[in-house]
PDB file of N, CA and C in Angstrom:
ATOM      1  N   MET A   1     292.601 125.937 121.123  1.00  0.00           N
ATOM      2  CA  MET A   1     293.686 125.645 122.050  1.00  0.00           C
ATOM      3  C   MET A   1     293.331 124.370 122.809  1.00  0.00           C
ATOM      4  N   SER A   2     294.211 123.426 122.819  1.00  0.00           N
ATOM      5  CA  SER A   2     293.949 122.153 123.491  1.00  0.00           C
ATOM      6  C   SER A   2     294.814 122.022 124.732  1.00  0.00           C
ATOM      7  N   ARG A   3     294.539 121.003 125.493  1.00  0.00           N
ATOM      8  CA  ARG A   3     295.303 120.739 126.718  1.00  0.00           C
ATOM      9  C   ARG A   3     296.775 120.487 126.393  1.00  0.00           C
ATOM     10  N   HIS A   4     297.074 120.060 125.172  1.00  0.00           N
ATOM     11  CA  HIS A   4     298.450 119.782 124.784  1.00  0.00           C
ATOM     12  C   HIS A   4     299.230 121.062 124.503  1.00  0.00           C
ATOM     13  N   ASP A   5     298.522 122.157 124.280  1.00  0.00           N
ATOM     14  CA  ASP A   5     299.149 123.444 124.002  1.00  0.00           C
ATOM     15  C   ASP A   5     298.927 124.382 125.180  1.00  0.00           C
ATOM     16  N   ILE A   6     299.468 124.032 126.331  1.00  0.00           N
ATOM     17  CA  ILE A   6     299.238 124.843 127.526  1.00  0.00           C
ATOM     18  C   ILE A   6     299.927 126.191 127.357  1.00  0.00           C
ATOM     19  N   PRO A   7     299.136 127.274 127.396  1.00  0.00           N
ATOM     20  CA  PRO A   7     299.727 128.597 127.245  1.00  0.00           C
ATOM     21  C   PRO A   7     300.536 128.964 128.481  1.00  0.00           C
ATOM     22  N   VAL A   8     301.423 129.894 128.309  1.00  0.00           N
ATOM     23  CA  VAL A   8     302.287 130.314 129.407  1.00  0.00           C
ATOM     24  C   VAL A   8     301.785 131.649 129.955  1.00  0.00           C
ATOM     25  N   LEU A   9     301.459 131.644 131.229  1.00  0.00           N
ATOM     26  CA  LEU A   9     301.107 132.869 131.936  1.00  0.00           C
ATOM     27  C   LEU A   9     302.240 133.203 132.886  1.00  0.00           C
ATOM     28  N   THR A  10     302.391 134.478 133.203  1.00  0.00           N
ATOM     29  CA  THR A  10     303.361 134.855 134.229  1.00  0.00           C
ATOM     30  C   THR A  10     302.851 134.334 135.570  1.00  0.00           C
ATOM     31  N   PRO A  11     303.718 134.217 136.557  1.00  0.00           N
ATOM     32  CA  PRO A  11     303.237 133.780 137.875  1.00  0.00           C
ATOM     33  C   PRO A  11     302.111 134.679 138.405  1.00  0.00           C
ATOM     34  N   ARG A  12     302.212 135.983 138.210  1.00  0.00           N
ATOM     35  CA  ARG A  12     301.168 136.902 138.686  1.00  0.00           C
ATOM     36  C   ARG A  12     299.865 136.678 137.920  1.00  0.00           C
ATOM     37  N   GLN A  13     299.956 136.475 136.615  1.00  0.00           N
ATOM     38  CA  GLN A  13     298.747 136.214 135.831  1.00  0.00           C
ATOM     39  C   GLN A  13     298.080 134.920 136.296  1.00  0.00           C
ATOM     40  N   HIS A  14     298.874 133.912 136.568  1.00  0.00           N
ATOM     41  CA  HIS A  14     298.325 132.638 137.046  1.00  0.00           C
ATOM     42  C   HIS A  14     297.641 132.833 138.400  1.00  0.00           C
ATOM     43  N   GLU A  15     298.263 133.614 139.261  1.00  0.00           N
ATOM     44  CA  GLU A  15     297.686 133.903 140.569  1.00  0.00           C
ATOM     45  C   GLU A  15     296.338 134.618 140.407  1.00  0.00           C
ATOM     46  N   ILE A  16     296.286 135.590 139.514  1.00  0.00           N
ATOM     47  CA  ILE A  16     295.052 136.336 139.278  1.00  0.00           C
ATOM     48  C   ILE A  16     293.994 135.432 138.656  1.00  0.00           C
ATOM     49  N   LEU A  17     294.373 134.594 137.704  1.00  0.00           N
ATOM     50  CA  LEU A  17     293.419 133.666 137.106  1.00  0.00           C
ATOM     51  C   LEU A  17     292.847 132.731 138.160  1.00  0.00           C
ATOM     52  N   THR A  18     293.673 132.268 139.067  1.00  0.00           N
ATOM     53  CA  THR A  18     293.205 131.392 140.141  1.00  0.00           C
ATOM     54  C   THR A  18     292.199 132.119 141.024  1.00  0.00           C
ATOM     55  N   LEU A  19     292.475 133.376 141.355  1.00  0.00           N
ATOM     56  CA  LEU A  19     291.531 134.151 142.162  1.00  0.00           C
ATOM     57  C   LEU A  19     290.240 134.422 141.391  1.00  0.00           C
ATOM     58  N   MET A  20     290.344 134.634 140.096  1.00  0.00           N
ATOM     59  CA  MET A  20     289.150 134.792 139.264  1.00  0.00           C
ATOM     60  C   MET A  20     288.316 133.513 139.317  1.00  0.00           C
ATOM     61  N   ALA A  21     288.973 132.368 139.266  1.00  0.00           N
ATOM     62  CA  ALA A  21     288.281 131.081 139.314  1.00  0.00           C
ATOM     63  C   ALA A  21     287.599 130.874 140.661  1.00  0.00           C
ATOM     64  N   ARG A  22     288.129 131.494 141.706  1.00  0.00           N
ATOM     65  CA  ARG A  22     287.504 131.423 143.027  1.00  0.00           C
ATOM     66  C   ARG A  22     286.313 132.367 143.140  1.00  0.00           C
ATOM     67  N   GLY A  23     286.105 133.176 142.102  1.00  0.00           N
ATOM     68  CA  GLY A  23     284.954 134.065 142.086  1.00  0.00           C
ATOM     69  C   GLY A  23     285.209 135.473 142.566  1.00  0.00           C
ATOM     70  N   LEU A  24     286.476 135.825 142.810  1.00  0.00           N
ATOM     71  CA  LEU A  24     286.774 137.172 143.266  1.00  0.00           C
ATOM     72  C   LEU A  24     286.619 138.179 142.128  1.00  0.00           C
ATOM     73  N   THR A  25     286.135 139.359 142.479  1.00  0.00           N
ATOM     74  CA  THR A  25     286.016 140.454 141.521  1.00  0.00           C
ATOM     75  C   THR A  25     287.355 141.171 141.399  1.00  0.00           C
ATOM     76  N   THR A  26     287.449 142.043 140.414  1.00  0.00           N
ATOM     77  CA  THR A  26     288.685 142.811 140.236  1.00  0.00           C
ATOM     78  C   THR A  26     289.050 143.589 141.496  1.00  0.00           C
ATOM     79  N   PRO A  27     288.116 144.327 142.116  1.00  0.00           N
ATOM     80  CA  PRO A  27     288.471 145.035 143.354  1.00  0.00           C
ATOM     81  C   PRO A  27     288.903 144.087 144.476  1.00  0.00           C
ATOM     82  N   GLU A  28     288.265 142.922 144.559  1.00  0.00           N
ATOM     83  CA  GLU A  28     288.646 141.956 145.592  1.00  0.00           C
ATOM     84  C   GLU A  28     290.039 141.398 145.337  1.00  0.00           C
ATOM     85  N   ILE A  29     290.352 141.119 144.071  1.00  0.00           N
ATOM     86  CA  ILE A  29     291.686 140.634 143.722  1.00  0.00           C
ATOM     87  C   ILE A  29     292.722 141.704 144.059  1.00  0.00           C
ATOM     88  N   ALA A  30     292.415 142.943 143.725  1.00  0.00           N
ATOM     89  CA  ALA A  30     293.333 144.045 144.030  1.00  0.00           C
ATOM     90  C   ALA A  30     293.609 144.117 145.524  1.00  0.00           C
ATOM     91  N   GLY A  31     292.569 143.993 146.331  1.00  0.00           N
ATOM     92  CA  GLY A  31     292.748 144.025 147.781  1.00  0.00           C
ATOM     93  C   GLY A  31     293.524 142.838 148.302  1.00  0.00           C
ATOM     94  N   GLU A  32     293.217 141.669 147.773  1.00  0.00           N
ATOM     95  CA  GLU A  32     293.898 140.431 148.198  1.00  0.00           C
ATOM     96  C   GLU A  32     295.393 140.485 147.898  1.00  0.00           C
ATOM     97  N   LEU A  33     295.754 141.024 146.734  1.00  0.00           N
ATOM     98  CA  LEU A  33     297.158 141.041 146.305  1.00  0.00           C
ATOM     99  C   LEU A  33     297.851 142.370 146.567  1.00  0.00           C
ATOM    100  N   VAL A  34     297.126 143.303 147.168  1.00  0.00           N
ATOM    101  CA  VAL A  34     297.633 144.647 147.449  1.00  0.00           C
ATOM    102  C   VAL A  34     298.179 145.279 146.162  1.00  0.00           C
ATOM    103  N   LEU A  35     297.311 145.302 145.159  1.00  0.00           N
ATOM    104  CA  LEU A  35     297.623 145.908 143.870  1.00  0.00           C
ATOM    105  C   LEU A  35     296.536 146.920 143.545  1.00  0.00           C
ATOM    106  N   GLY A  36     296.833 147.837 142.651  1.00  0.00           N
ATOM    107  CA  GLY A  36     295.818 148.749 142.166  1.00  0.00           C
ATOM    108  C   GLY A  36     294.862 148.015 141.235  1.00  0.00           C
ATOM    109  N   ARG A  37     293.633 148.512 141.167  1.00  0.00           N
ATOM    110  CA  ARG A  37     292.645 147.887 140.286  1.00  0.00           C
ATOM    111  C   ARG A  37     293.107 147.924 138.829  1.00  0.00           C
ATOM    112  N   ASP A  38     293.730 149.033 138.422  1.00  0.00           N
ATOM    113  CA  ASP A  38     294.208 149.124 137.044  1.00  0.00           C
ATOM    114  C   ASP A  38     295.297 148.094 136.766  1.00  0.00           C
ATOM    115  N   THR A  39     296.133 147.819 137.757  1.00  0.00           N
ATOM    116  CA  THR A  39     297.178 146.808 137.592  1.00  0.00           C
ATOM    117  C   THR A  39     296.550 145.429 137.401  1.00  0.00           C
ATOM    118  N   VAL A  40     295.532 145.134 138.204  1.00  0.00           N
ATOM    119  CA  VAL A  40     294.835 143.850 138.060  1.00  0.00           C
ATOM    120  C   VAL A  40     294.197 143.764 136.678  1.00  0.00           C
ATOM    121  N   ARG A  41     293.558 144.844 136.242  1.00  0.00           N
ATOM    122  CA  ARG A  41     292.924 144.844 134.914  1.00  0.00           C
ATOM    123  C   ARG A  41     293.956 144.623 133.804  1.00  0.00           C
ATOM    124  N   THR A  42     295.134 145.219 133.960  1.00  0.00           N
ATOM    125  CA  THR A  42     296.200 145.022 132.969  1.00  0.00           C
ATOM    126  C   THR A  42     296.595 143.548 132.909  1.00  0.00           C
ATOM    127  N   HIS A  43     296.746 142.919 134.064  1.00  0.00           N
ATOM    128  CA  HIS A  43     297.070 141.489 134.094  1.00  0.00           C
ATOM    129  C   HIS A  43     295.936 140.670 133.488  1.00  0.00           C
ATOM    130  N   GLN A  44     294.696 141.046 133.791  1.00  0.00           N
ATOM    131  CA  GLN A  44     293.561 140.319 133.224  1.00  0.00           C
ATOM    132  C   GLN A  44     293.552 140.429 131.698  1.00  0.00           C
ATOM    133  N   GLN A  45     293.842 141.592 131.181  1.00  0.00           N
ATOM    134  CA  GLN A  45     293.889 141.750 129.722  1.00  0.00           C
ATOM    135  C   GLN A  45     294.971 140.851 129.119  1.00  0.00           C
ATOM    136  N   GLY A  46     296.108 140.729 129.794  1.00  0.00           N
ATOM    137  CA  GLY A  46     297.155 139.820 129.334  1.00  0.00           C
ATOM    138  C   GLY A  46     296.694 138.370 129.350  1.00  0.00           C
ATOM    139  N   ILE A  47     295.944 138.007 130.376  1.00  0.00           N
ATOM    140  CA  ILE A  47     295.388 136.653 130.471  1.00  0.00           C
ATOM    141  C   ILE A  47     294.429 136.414 129.303  1.00  0.00           C
ATOM    142  N   TYR A  48     293.557 137.379 129.062  1.00  0.00           N
ATOM    143  CA  TYR A  48     292.579 137.248 127.975  1.00  0.00           C
ATOM    144  C   TYR A  48     293.285 137.090 126.625  1.00  0.00           C
ATOM    145  N   ARG A  49     294.322 137.901 126.402  1.00  0.00           N
ATOM    146  CA  ARG A  49     295.065 137.789 125.131  1.00  0.00           C
ATOM    147  C   ARG A  49     295.709 136.421 124.996  1.00  0.00           C
ATOM    148  N   THR A  50     296.352 135.971 126.059  1.00  0.00           N
ATOM    149  CA  THR A  50     297.053 134.687 126.018  1.00  0.00           C
ATOM    150  C   THR A  50     296.090 133.535 125.774  1.00  0.00           C
ATOM    151  N   LEU A  51     294.917 133.607 126.400  1.00  0.00           N
ATOM    152  CA  LEU A  51     293.940 132.524 126.276  1.00  0.00           C
ATOM    153  C   LEU A  51     292.974 132.740 125.118  1.00  0.00           C
ATOM    154  N   ASP A  52     293.107 133.862 124.430  1.00  0.00           N
ATOM    155  CA  ASP A  52     292.265 134.194 123.280  1.00  0.00           C
ATOM    156  C   ASP A  52     290.781 134.206 123.648  1.00  0.00           C
ATOM    157  N   VAL A  53     290.482 134.941 124.728  1.00  0.00           N
ATOM    158  CA  VAL A  53     289.104 135.106 125.197  1.00  0.00           C
ATOM    159  C   VAL A  53     288.853 136.584 125.468  1.00  0.00           C
ATOM    160  N   HIS A  54     287.590 136.912 125.815  1.00  0.00           N
ATOM    161  CA  HIS A  54     287.243 138.313 126.026  1.00  0.00           C
ATOM    162  C   HIS A  54     286.586 138.609 127.369  1.00  0.00           C
ATOM    163  N   THR A  55     286.320 137.579 128.159  1.00  0.00           N
ATOM    164  CA  THR A  55     285.649 137.784 129.437  1.00  0.00           C
ATOM    165  C   THR A  55     286.296 136.933 130.521  1.00  0.00           C
ATOM    166  N   ALA A  56     286.022 137.317 131.765  1.00  0.00           N
ATOM    167  CA  ALA A  56     286.552 136.551 132.896  1.00  0.00           C
ATOM    168  C   ALA A  56     286.011 135.120 132.922  1.00  0.00           C
ATOM    169  N   PRO A  57     284.701 134.917 132.750  1.00  0.00           N
ATOM    170  CA  PRO A  57     284.222 133.528 132.747  1.00  0.00           C
ATOM    171  C   PRO A  57     284.858 132.683 131.638  1.00  0.00           C
ATOM    172  N   ALA A  58     285.056 133.281 130.481  1.00  0.00           N
ATOM    173  CA  ALA A  58     285.697 132.545 129.382  1.00  0.00           C
ATOM    174  C   ALA A  58     287.148 132.233 129.723  1.00  0.00           C
ATOM    175  N   ALA A  59     287.831 133.144 130.410  1.00  0.00           N
ATOM    176  CA  ALA A  59     289.220 132.910 130.807  1.00  0.00           C
ATOM    177  C   ALA A  59     289.297 131.754 131.800  1.00  0.00           C
ATOM    178  N   VAL A  60     288.386 131.734 132.757  1.00  0.00           N
ATOM    179  CA  VAL A  60     288.373 130.653 133.745  1.00  0.00           C
ATOM    180  C   VAL A  60     288.078 129.318 133.055  1.00  0.00           C
ATOM    181  N   ALA A  61     287.082 129.303 132.169  1.00  0.00           N
ATOM    182  CA  ALA A  61     286.753 128.067 131.449  1.00  0.00           C
ATOM    183  C   ALA A  61     287.950 127.594 130.630  1.00  0.00           C
ATOM    184  N   ALA A  62     288.617 128.521 129.943  1.00  0.00           N
ATOM    185  CA  ALA A  62     289.791 128.160 129.140  1.00  0.00           C
ATOM    186  C   ALA A  62     290.911 127.663 130.047  1.00  0.00           C
ATOM    187  N   GLY A  63     291.065 128.280 131.207  1.00  0.00           N
ATOM    188  CA  GLY A  63     292.091 127.856 132.154  1.00  0.00           C
ATOM    189  C   GLY A  63     291.912 126.410 132.580  1.00  0.00           C
ATOM    190  N   TYR A  64     290.674 126.028 132.848  1.00  0.00           N
ATOM    191  CA  TYR A  64     290.396 124.630 133.180  1.00  0.00           C
ATOM    192  C   TYR A  64     290.622 123.728 131.968  1.00  0.00           C
ATOM    193  N   ARG A  65     290.139 124.163 130.818  1.00  0.00           N
ATOM    194  CA  ARG A  65     290.212 123.335 129.612  1.00  0.00           C
ATOM    195  C   ARG A  65     291.656 123.005 129.227  1.00  0.00           C
ATOM    196  N   VAL A  66     292.560 123.979 129.348  1.00  0.00           N
ATOM    197  CA  VAL A  66     293.941 123.744 128.908  1.00  0.00           C
ATOM    198  C   VAL A  66     294.864 123.289 130.033  1.00  0.00           C
ATOM    199  N   GLY A  67     294.324 123.156 131.241  1.00  0.00           N
ATOM    200  CA  GLY A  67     295.122 122.610 132.331  1.00  0.00           C
ATOM    201  C   GLY A  67     295.863 123.621 133.182  1.00  0.00           C
ATOM    202  N   LEU A  68     295.534 124.903 133.046  1.00  0.00           N
ATOM    203  CA  LEU A  68     296.150 125.915 133.909  1.00  0.00           C
ATOM    204  C   LEU A  68     295.521 125.926 135.287  1.00  0.00           C
ATOM    205  N   LEU A  69     294.285 125.488 135.361  1.00  0.00           N
ATOM    206  CA  LEU A  69     293.555 125.448 136.624  1.00  0.00           C
ATOM    207  C   LEU A  69     293.094 124.032 136.879  1.00  0.00           C
ATOM    208  N   ASP A  70     293.035 123.667 138.138  1.00  0.00           N
ATOM    209  CA  ASP A  70     292.393 122.426 138.528  1.00  0.00           C
ATOM    210  C   ASP A  70     291.686 122.675 139.859  1.00  0.00           C
ATOM    211  N   ASP A  71     290.827 121.775 140.236  1.00  0.00           N
ATOM    212  CA  ASP A  71     290.013 121.977 141.433  1.00  0.00           C
ATOM    213  C   ASP A  71     290.863 122.172 142.689  1.00  0.00           C
ATOM    214  N   HIS A  72     292.011 121.542 142.757  1.00  0.00           N
ATOM    215  CA  HIS A  72     292.858 121.645 143.953  1.00  0.00           C
ATOM    216  C   HIS A  72     293.492 123.032 144.061  1.00  0.00           C
ATOM    217  N   ALA A  73     293.869 123.606 142.942  1.00  0.00           N
ATOM    218  CA  ALA A  73     294.524 124.918 142.951  1.00  0.00           C
ATOM    219  C   ALA A  73     293.545 126.029 143.294  1.00  0.00           C
ATOM    220  N   VAL A  74     292.280 125.801 143.026  1.00  0.00           N
ATOM    221  CA  VAL A  74     291.293 126.856 143.192  1.00  0.00           C
ATOM    222  C   VAL A  74     290.707 126.878 144.595  1.00  0.00           C
ATOM    223  N   ARG A  75     290.874 125.864 145.351  1.00  0.00           N
ATOM    224  CA  ARG A  75     290.309 125.831 146.715  1.00  0.00           C
ATOM    225  C   ARG A  75     291.037 126.738 147.647  1.00  0.00           C
TER     226      ARG A  75
END
């Protein structure tokens, strides 16, 4: 997947990916967004499928690589 093929995430998935990039854990993301942990995990699985990865660090790296994340959005 290249920067020219930017995958489409839902707004909630993008929000969760951004929080993952900030280093928040699943329970922290759940608390921040007032969601259940299982709901956050479901969104994370969707992110992983869309980005064709299997872990949170790989999702964050892919997010930067394809242009879904940038340093300004993560601060």
